[in-house]
Amino acid sequence: ADSADSVKGRFTISRDNAKNTVYLQMNSL
C-alpha cells in the first residue's frame, strides 16, 4: 500500500477480501 504525502499519517487504505471491498479510513480531516 502507498499514499500521497498530503495524507500520510492521516489516511489508511485497507481491503477485506471476503467482502471484495477496499476502505479508506480518513482521520484528522
PDB file of all heavy atoms in Angstrom:
ATOM      1  N   ALA A   1       0.837  -1.192   0.000  1.00  0.00           N
ATOM      2  CA  ALA A   1       0.000   0.000   0.000  1.00  0.00           C
ATOM      3  C   ALA A   1       0.871   1.240   0.000  1.00  0.00           C
ATOM      4  O   ALA A   1       1.995   1.234   0.506  1.00  0.00           O
ATOM      5  CB  ALA A   1      -0.932   0.000   1.208  1.00  0.00           C
ATOM      6  N   ASP A   2       0.334   2.301  -0.562  1.00  0.00           N
ATOM      7  CA  ASP A   2       1.042   3.569  -0.597  1.00  0.00           C
ATOM      8  C   ASP A   2       0.019   4.688  -0.551  1.00  0.00           C
ATOM      9  O   ASP A   2      -1.165   4.485  -0.873  1.00  0.00           O
ATOM     10  CB  ASP A   2       1.893   3.685  -1.860  1.00  0.00           C
ATOM     11  CG  ASP A   2       2.914   4.804  -1.770  1.00  0.00           C
ATOM     12  OD1 ASP A   2       3.152   5.315  -0.646  1.00  0.00           O
ATOM     13  OD2 ASP A   2       3.468   5.186  -2.817  1.00  0.00           O
ATOM     14  N   SER A   3       0.451   5.872  -0.156  1.00  0.00           N
ATOM     15  CA  SER A   3      -0.450   7.012  -0.103  1.00  0.00           C
ATOM     16  C   SER A   3       0.315   8.282  -0.426  1.00  0.00           C
ATOM     17  O   SER A   3       1.542   8.320  -0.372  1.00  0.00           O
ATOM     18  CB  SER A   3      -1.110   7.119   1.268  1.00  0.00           C
ATOM     19  OG  SER A   3      -0.137   7.246   2.284  1.00  0.00           O
ATOM     20  N   ALA A   4      -0.433   9.301  -0.767  1.00  0.00           N
ATOM     21  CA  ALA A   4       0.166  10.594  -1.074  1.00  0.00           C
ATOM     22  C   ALA A   4       0.732  11.222   0.203  1.00  0.00           C
ATOM     23  O   ALA A   4       0.223  11.003   1.300  1.00  0.00           O
ATOM     24  CB  ALA A   4      -0.884  11.510  -1.696  1.00  0.00           C
ATOM     25  N   ASP A   5       1.775  12.035   0.018  1.00  0.00           N
ATOM     26  CA  ASP A   5       2.404  12.684   1.169  1.00  0.00           C
ATOM     27  C   ASP A   5       1.410  13.537   1.949  1.00  0.00           C
ATOM     28  O   ASP A   5       1.484  13.638   3.173  1.00  0.00           O
ATOM     29  CB  ASP A   5       3.573  13.561   0.704  1.00  0.00           C
ATOM     30  CG  ASP A   5       4.757  12.734   0.233  1.00  0.00           C
ATOM     31  OD1 ASP A   5       4.807  11.519   0.554  1.00  0.00           O
ATOM     32  OD2 ASP A   5       5.626  13.286  -0.459  1.00  0.00           O
ATOM     33  N   SER A   6       0.448  14.123   1.241  1.00  0.00           N
ATOM     34  CA  SER A   6      -0.505  15.034   1.874  1.00  0.00           C
ATOM     35  C   SER A   6      -1.449  14.321   2.844  1.00  0.00           C
ATOM     36  O   SER A   6      -2.072  14.970   3.684  1.00  0.00           O
ATOM     37  CB  SER A   6      -1.322  15.765   0.813  1.00  0.00           C
ATOM     38  OG  SER A   6      -2.026  14.840   0.017  1.00  0.00           O
ATOM     39  N   VAL A   7      -1.549  12.997   2.731  1.00  0.00           N
ATOM     40  CA  VAL A   7      -2.464  12.271   3.611  1.00  0.00           C
ATOM     41  C   VAL A   7      -1.756  11.243   4.481  1.00  0.00           C
ATOM     42  O   VAL A   7      -2.407  10.585   5.308  1.00  0.00           O
ATOM     43  CB  VAL A   7      -3.574  11.573   2.797  1.00  0.00           C
ATOM     44  CG1 VAL A   7      -4.301  12.581   1.916  1.00  0.00           C
ATOM     45  CG2 VAL A   7      -3.037  10.417   1.965  1.00  0.00           C
ATOM     46  N   LYS A   8      -0.460  11.089   4.304  1.00  0.00           N
ATOM     47  CA  LYS A   8       0.283  10.115   5.117  1.00  0.00           C
ATOM     48  C   LYS A   8       0.117  10.421   6.597  1.00  0.00           C
ATOM     49  O   LYS A   8       0.177  11.561   7.033  1.00  0.00           O
ATOM     50  CB  LYS A   8       1.758  10.115   4.736  1.00  0.00           C
ATOM     51  CG  LYS A   8       2.103   9.178   3.603  1.00  0.00           C
ATOM     52  CD  LYS A   8       3.607   9.090   3.397  1.00  0.00           C
ATOM     53  CE  LYS A   8       3.967   7.957   2.459  1.00  0.00           C
ATOM     54  NZ  LYS A   8       3.480   8.119   1.100  1.00  0.00           N
ATOM     55  N   GLY A   9      -0.110   9.372   7.359  1.00  0.00           N
ATOM     56  CA  GLY A   9      -0.312   9.536   8.793  1.00  0.00           C
ATOM     57  C   GLY A   9      -1.747   9.862   9.166  1.00  0.00           C
ATOM     58  O   GLY A   9      -2.097   9.825  10.346  1.00  0.00           O
ATOM     59  N   ARG A  10      -2.578  10.201   8.177  1.00  0.00           N
ATOM     60  CA  ARG A  10      -3.981  10.522   8.453  1.00  0.00           C
ATOM     61  C   ARG A  10      -4.937   9.536   7.784  1.00  0.00           C
ATOM     62  O   ARG A  10      -5.966   9.189   8.340  1.00  0.00           O
ATOM     63  CB  ARG A  10      -4.308  11.936   7.971  1.00  0.00           C
ATOM     64  CG  ARG A  10      -3.481  13.024   8.625  1.00  0.00           C
ATOM     65  CD  ARG A  10      -3.991  14.411   8.252  1.00  0.00           C
ATOM     66  NE  ARG A  10      -3.911  14.670   6.824  1.00  0.00           N
ATOM     67  CZ  ARG A  10      -4.958  15.022   6.071  1.00  0.00           C
ATOM     68  NH1 ARG A  10      -6.158  15.124   6.611  1.00  0.00           N
ATOM     69  NH2 ARG A  10      -4.789  15.268   4.775  1.00  0.00           N
ATOM     70  N   PHE A  11      -4.610   9.114   6.571  1.00  0.00           N
ATOM     71  CA  PHE A  11      -5.473   8.210   5.812  1.00  0.00           C
ATOM     72  C   PHE A  11      -4.835   6.832   5.737  1.00  0.00           C
ATOM     73  O   PHE A  11      -3.613   6.717   5.582  1.00  0.00           O
ATOM     74  CB  PHE A  11      -5.668   8.714   4.386  1.00  0.00           C
ATOM     75  CG  PHE A  11      -6.468   9.980   4.255  1.00  0.00           C
ATOM     76  CD1 PHE A  11      -6.807  10.751   5.341  1.00  0.00           C
ATOM     77  CD2 PHE A  11      -6.881  10.398   2.985  1.00  0.00           C
ATOM     78  CE1 PHE A  11      -7.538  11.915   5.209  1.00  0.00           C
ATOM     79  CE2 PHE A  11      -7.613  11.559   2.831  1.00  0.00           C
ATOM     80  CZ  PHE A  11      -7.935  12.319   3.948  1.00  0.00           C
ATOM     81  N   THR A  12      -5.673   5.803   5.790  1.00  0.00           N
ATOM     82  CA  THR A  12      -5.192   4.434   5.684  1.00  0.00           C
ATOM     83  C   THR A  12      -6.081   3.661   4.715  1.00  0.00           C
ATOM     84  O   THR A  12      -7.306   3.685   4.852  1.00  0.00           O
ATOM     85  CB  THR A  12      -5.214   3.735   7.050  1.00  0.00           C
ATOM     86  OG1 THR A  12      -4.412   4.475   7.982  1.00  0.00           O
ATOM     87  CG2 THR A  12      -4.660   2.316   6.932  1.00  0.00           C
ATOM     88  N   ILE A  13      -5.453   2.993   3.770  1.00  0.00           N
ATOM     89  CA  ILE A  13      -6.197   2.150   2.840  1.00  0.00           C
ATOM     90  C   ILE A  13      -6.063   0.700   3.294  1.00  0.00           C
ATOM     91  O   ILE A  13      -4.997   0.264   3.752  1.00  0.00           O
ATOM     92  CB  ILE A  13      -5.697   2.330   1.391  1.00  0.00           C
ATOM     93  CG1 ILE A  13      -6.611   1.600   0.415  1.00  0.00           C
ATOM     94  CG2 ILE A  13      -4.251   1.913   1.228  1.00  0.00           C
ATOM     95  CD1 ILE A  13      -6.349   1.936  -1.051  1.00  0.00           C
ATOM     96  N   SER A  14      -7.156  -0.041   3.179  1.00  0.00           N
ATOM     97  CA  SER A  14      -7.136  -1.447   3.560  1.00  0.00           C
ATOM     98  C   SER A  14      -8.141  -2.194   2.698  1.00  0.00           C
ATOM     99  O   SER A  14      -8.922  -1.588   1.961  1.00  0.00           O
ATOM    100  CB  SER A  14      -7.481  -1.614   5.042  1.00  0.00           C
ATOM    101  OG  SER A  14      -8.796  -1.145   5.307  1.00  0.00           O
ATOM    102  N   ARG A  15      -8.118  -3.530   2.795  1.00  0.00           N
ATOM    103  CA  ARG A  15      -9.046  -4.307   1.992  1.00  0.00           C
ATOM    104  C   ARG A  15      -9.620  -5.443   2.823  1.00  0.00           C
ATOM    105  O   ARG A  15      -9.005  -5.900   3.783  1.00  0.00           O
ATOM    106  CB  ARG A  15      -8.335  -4.872   0.767  1.00  0.00           C
ATOM    107  CG  ARG A  15      -7.495  -6.118   1.072  1.00  0.00           C
ATOM    108  CD  ARG A  15      -6.590  -6.517  -0.026  1.00  0.00           C
ATOM    109  NE  ARG A  15      -6.078  -7.863   0.140  1.00  0.00           N
ATOM    110  CZ  ARG A  15      -5.120  -8.211   0.985  1.00  0.00           C
ATOM    111  NH1 ARG A  15      -4.559  -7.297   1.750  1.00  0.00           N
ATOM    112  NH2 ARG A  15      -4.715  -9.458   1.061  1.00  0.00           N
ATOM    113  N   ASP A  16     -10.789  -5.882   2.423  1.00  0.00           N
ATOM    114  CA  ASP A  16     -11.429  -7.054   3.009  1.00  0.00           C
ATOM    115  C   ASP A  16     -11.744  -7.989   1.860  1.00  0.00           C
ATOM    116  O   ASP A  16     -12.698  -7.759   1.106  1.00  0.00           O
ATOM    117  CB  ASP A  16     -12.693  -6.639   3.771  1.00  0.00           C
ATOM    118  CG  ASP A  16     -13.360  -7.811   4.478  1.00  0.00           C
ATOM    119  OD1 ASP A  16     -13.264  -8.956   3.984  1.00  0.00           O
ATOM    120  OD2 ASP A  16     -13.990  -7.582   5.518  1.00  0.00           O
ATOM    121  N   ASN A  17     -10.927  -9.041   1.705  1.00  0.00           N
ATOM    122  CA  ASN A  17     -11.108  -9.931   0.560  1.00  0.00           C
ATOM    123  C   ASN A  17     -12.457 -10.621   0.578  1.00  0.00           C
ATOM    124  O   ASN A  17     -13.080 -10.825  -0.463  1.00  0.00           O
ATOM    125  CB  ASN A  17      -9.994 -10.984   0.538  1.00  0.00           C
ATOM    126  CG  ASN A  17      -8.672 -10.394   0.091  1.00  0.00           C
ATOM    127  OD1 ASN A  17      -8.617  -9.270  -0.401  1.00  0.00           O
ATOM    128  ND2 ASN A  17      -7.609 -11.144   0.265  1.00  0.00           N
ATOM    129  N   ALA A  18     -12.915 -10.978   1.758  1.00  0.00           N
ATOM    130  CA  ALA A  18     -14.182 -11.701   1.855  1.00  0.00           C
ATOM    131  C   ALA A  18     -15.349 -10.861   1.361  1.00  0.00           C
ATOM    132  O   ALA A  18     -16.327 -11.388   0.824  1.00  0.00           O
ATOM    133  CB  ALA A  18     -14.420 -12.135   3.296  1.00  0.00           C
ATOM    134  N   LYS A  19     -15.224  -9.561   1.523  1.00  0.00           N
ATOM    135  CA  LYS A  19     -16.304  -8.665   1.106  1.00  0.00           C
ATOM    136  C   LYS A  19     -16.004  -7.986  -0.220  1.00  0.00           C
ATOM    137  O   LYS A  19     -16.804  -7.163  -0.680  1.00  0.00           O
ATOM    138  CB  LYS A  19     -16.542  -7.603   2.180  1.00  0.00           C
ATOM    139  CG  LYS A  19     -17.025  -8.170   3.504  1.00  0.00           C
ATOM    140  CD  LYS A  19     -17.285  -7.050   4.505  1.00  0.00           C
ATOM    141  CE  LYS A  19     -17.810  -7.615   5.820  1.00  0.00           C
ATOM    142  NZ  LYS A  19     -18.061  -6.544   6.817  1.00  0.00           N
ATOM    143  N   ASN A  20     -14.857  -8.300  -0.822  1.00  0.00           N
ATOM    144  CA  ASN A  20     -14.443  -7.642  -2.071  1.00  0.00           C
ATOM    145  C   ASN A  20     -14.541  -6.127  -1.952  1.00  0.00           C
ATOM    146  O   ASN A  20     -15.063  -5.444  -2.861  1.00  0.00           O
ATOM    147  CB  ASN A  20     -15.319  -8.122  -3.237  1.00  0.00           C
ATOM    148  CG  ASN A  20     -15.072  -9.569  -3.587  1.00  0.00           C
ATOM    149  OD1 ASN A  20     -13.964 -10.071  -3.459  1.00  0.00           O
ATOM    150  ND2 ASN A  20     -16.119 -10.256  -4.004  1.00  0.00           N
ATOM    151  N   THR A  21     -14.057  -5.617  -0.858  1.00  0.00           N
ATOM    152  CA  THR A  21     -14.204  -4.194  -0.557  1.00  0.00           C
ATOM    153  C   THR A  21     -12.869  -3.608  -0.126  1.00  0.00           C
ATOM    154  O   THR A  21     -12.108  -4.246   0.611  1.00  0.00           O
ATOM    155  CB  THR A  21     -15.255  -3.992   0.544  1.00  0.00           C
ATOM    156  OG1 THR A  21     -16.512  -4.491   0.083  1.00  0.00           O
ATOM    157  CG2 THR A  21     -15.400  -2.522   0.899  1.00  0.00           C
ATOM    158  N   VAL A  22     -12.618  -2.407  -0.596  1.00  0.00           N
ATOM    159  CA  VAL A  22     -11.460  -1.630  -0.172  1.00  0.00           C
ATOM    160  C   VAL A  22     -11.965  -0.418   0.601  1.00  0.00           C
ATOM    161  O   VAL A  22     -12.977   0.187   0.230  1.00  0.00           O
ATOM    162  CB  VAL A  22     -10.612  -1.185  -1.381  1.00  0.00           C
ATOM    163  CG1 VAL A  22      -9.581  -0.147  -0.986  1.00  0.00           C
ATOM    164  CG2 VAL A  22      -9.917  -2.387  -1.996  1.00  0.00           C
ATOM    165  N   TYR A  23     -11.259  -0.082   1.660  1.00  0.00           N
ATOM    166  CA  TYR A  23     -11.663   1.017   2.524  1.00  0.00           C
ATOM    167  C   TYR A  23     -10.600   2.120   2.522  1.00  0.00           C
ATOM    168  O   TYR A  23      -9.415   1.859   2.327  1.00  0.00           O
ATOM    169  CB  TYR A  23     -11.844   0.523   3.965  1.00  0.00           C
ATOM    170  CG  TYR A  23     -12.853  -0.584   4.103  1.00  0.00           C
ATOM    171  CD1 TYR A  23     -12.447  -1.920   4.157  1.00  0.00           C
ATOM    172  CD2 TYR A  23     -14.212  -0.312   4.162  1.00  0.00           C
ATOM    173  CE1 TYR A  23     -13.360  -2.944   4.279  1.00  0.00           C
ATOM    174  CE2 TYR A  23     -15.139  -1.334   4.287  1.00  0.00           C
ATOM    175  CZ  TYR A  23     -14.706  -2.648   4.344  1.00  0.00           C
ATOM    176  OH  TYR A  23     -15.626  -3.663   4.461  1.00  0.00           O
ATOM    177  N   LEU A  24     -11.072   3.322   2.772  1.00  0.00           N
ATOM    178  CA  LEU A  24     -10.167   4.443   3.007  1.00  0.00           C
ATOM    179  C   LEU A  24     -10.589   5.086   4.319  1.00  0.00           C
ATOM    180  O   LEU A  24     -11.619   5.761   4.375  1.00  0.00           O
ATOM    181  CB  LEU A  24     -10.209   5.462   1.872  1.00  0.00           C
ATOM    182  CG  LEU A  24      -9.216   6.614   2.010  1.00  0.00           C
ATOM    183  CD1 LEU A  24      -7.787   6.100   1.846  1.00  0.00           C
ATOM    184  CD2 LEU A  24      -9.505   7.703   0.984  1.00  0.00           C
ATOM    185  N   GLN A  25      -9.823   4.823   5.358  1.00  0.00           N
ATOM    186  CA  GLN A  25     -10.086   5.435   6.654  1.00  0.00           C
ATOM    187  C   GLN A  25      -9.406   6.789   6.685  1.00  0.00           C
ATOM    188  O   GLN A  25      -8.192   6.883   6.517  1.00  0.00           O
ATOM    189  CB  GLN A  25      -9.545   4.545   7.772  1.00  0.00           C
ATOM    190  CG  GLN A  25      -9.737   5.125   9.157  1.00  0.00           C
ATOM    191  CD  GLN A  25     -11.194   5.235   9.560  1.00  0.00           C
ATOM    192  OE1 GLN A  25     -11.979   4.314   9.350  1.00  0.00           O
ATOM    193  NE2 GLN A  25     -11.573   6.373  10.153  1.00  0.00           N
ATOM    194  N   MET A  26     -10.206   7.818   6.891  1.00  0.00           N
ATOM    195  CA  MET A  26      -9.695   9.187   6.856  1.00  0.00           C
ATOM    196  C   MET A  26      -9.863   9.814   8.227  1.00  0.00           C
ATOM    197  O   MET A  26     -10.991   9.994   8.703  1.00  0.00           O
ATOM    198  CB  MET A  26     -10.440  10.007   5.802  1.00  0.00           C
ATOM    199  CG  MET A  26     -10.410   9.372   4.415  1.00  0.00           C
ATOM    200  SD  MET A  26     -11.153  10.423   3.143  1.00  0.00           S
ATOM    201  CE  MET A  26     -12.852  10.452   3.687  1.00  0.00           C
ATOM    202  N   ASN A  27      -8.758  10.109   8.861  1.00  0.00           N
ATOM    203  CA  ASN A  27      -8.762  10.736  10.178  1.00  0.00           C
ATOM    204  C   ASN A  27      -8.154  12.137  10.102  1.00  0.00           C
ATOM    205  O   ASN A  27      -7.491  12.479   9.124  1.00  0.00           O
ATOM    206  CB  ASN A  27      -7.951   9.888  11.165  1.00  0.00           C
ATOM    207  CG  ASN A  27      -8.533   8.507  11.350  1.00  0.00           C
ATOM    208  OD1 ASN A  27      -9.746   8.303  11.287  1.00  0.00           O
ATOM    209  ND2 ASN A  27      -7.669   7.522  11.597  1.00  0.00           N
ATOM    210  N   SER A  28      -8.376  12.922  11.131  1.00  0.00           N
ATOM    211  CA  SER A  28      -7.820  14.286  11.200  1.00  0.00           C
ATOM    212  C   SER A  28      -8.092  15.048   9.911  1.00  0.00           C
ATOM    213  O   SER A  28      -7.196  15.671   9.327  1.00  0.00           O
ATOM    214  CB  SER A  28      -6.315  14.222  11.472  1.00  0.00           C
ATOM    215  OG  SER A  28      -6.049  13.540  12.673  1.00  0.00           O
ATOM    216  N   LEU A  29      -9.318  15.004   9.469  1.00  0.00           N
ATOM    217  CA  LEU A  29      -9.674  15.629   8.196  1.00  0.00           C
ATOM    218  C   LEU A  29      -9.501  17.136   8.251  1.00  0.00           C
ATOM    219  O   LEU A  29      -9.724  17.772   9.291  1.00  0.00           O
ATOM    220  CB  LEU A  29     -11.104  15.266   7.816  1.00  0.00           C
ATOM    221  CG  LEU A  29     -11.243  13.848   7.232  1.00  0.00           C
ATOM    222  CD1 LEU A  29     -12.685  13.369   7.337  1.00  0.00           C
ATOM    223  CD2 LEU A  29     -10.773  13.818   5.791  1.00  0.00           C
TER     224      LEU A  29
END
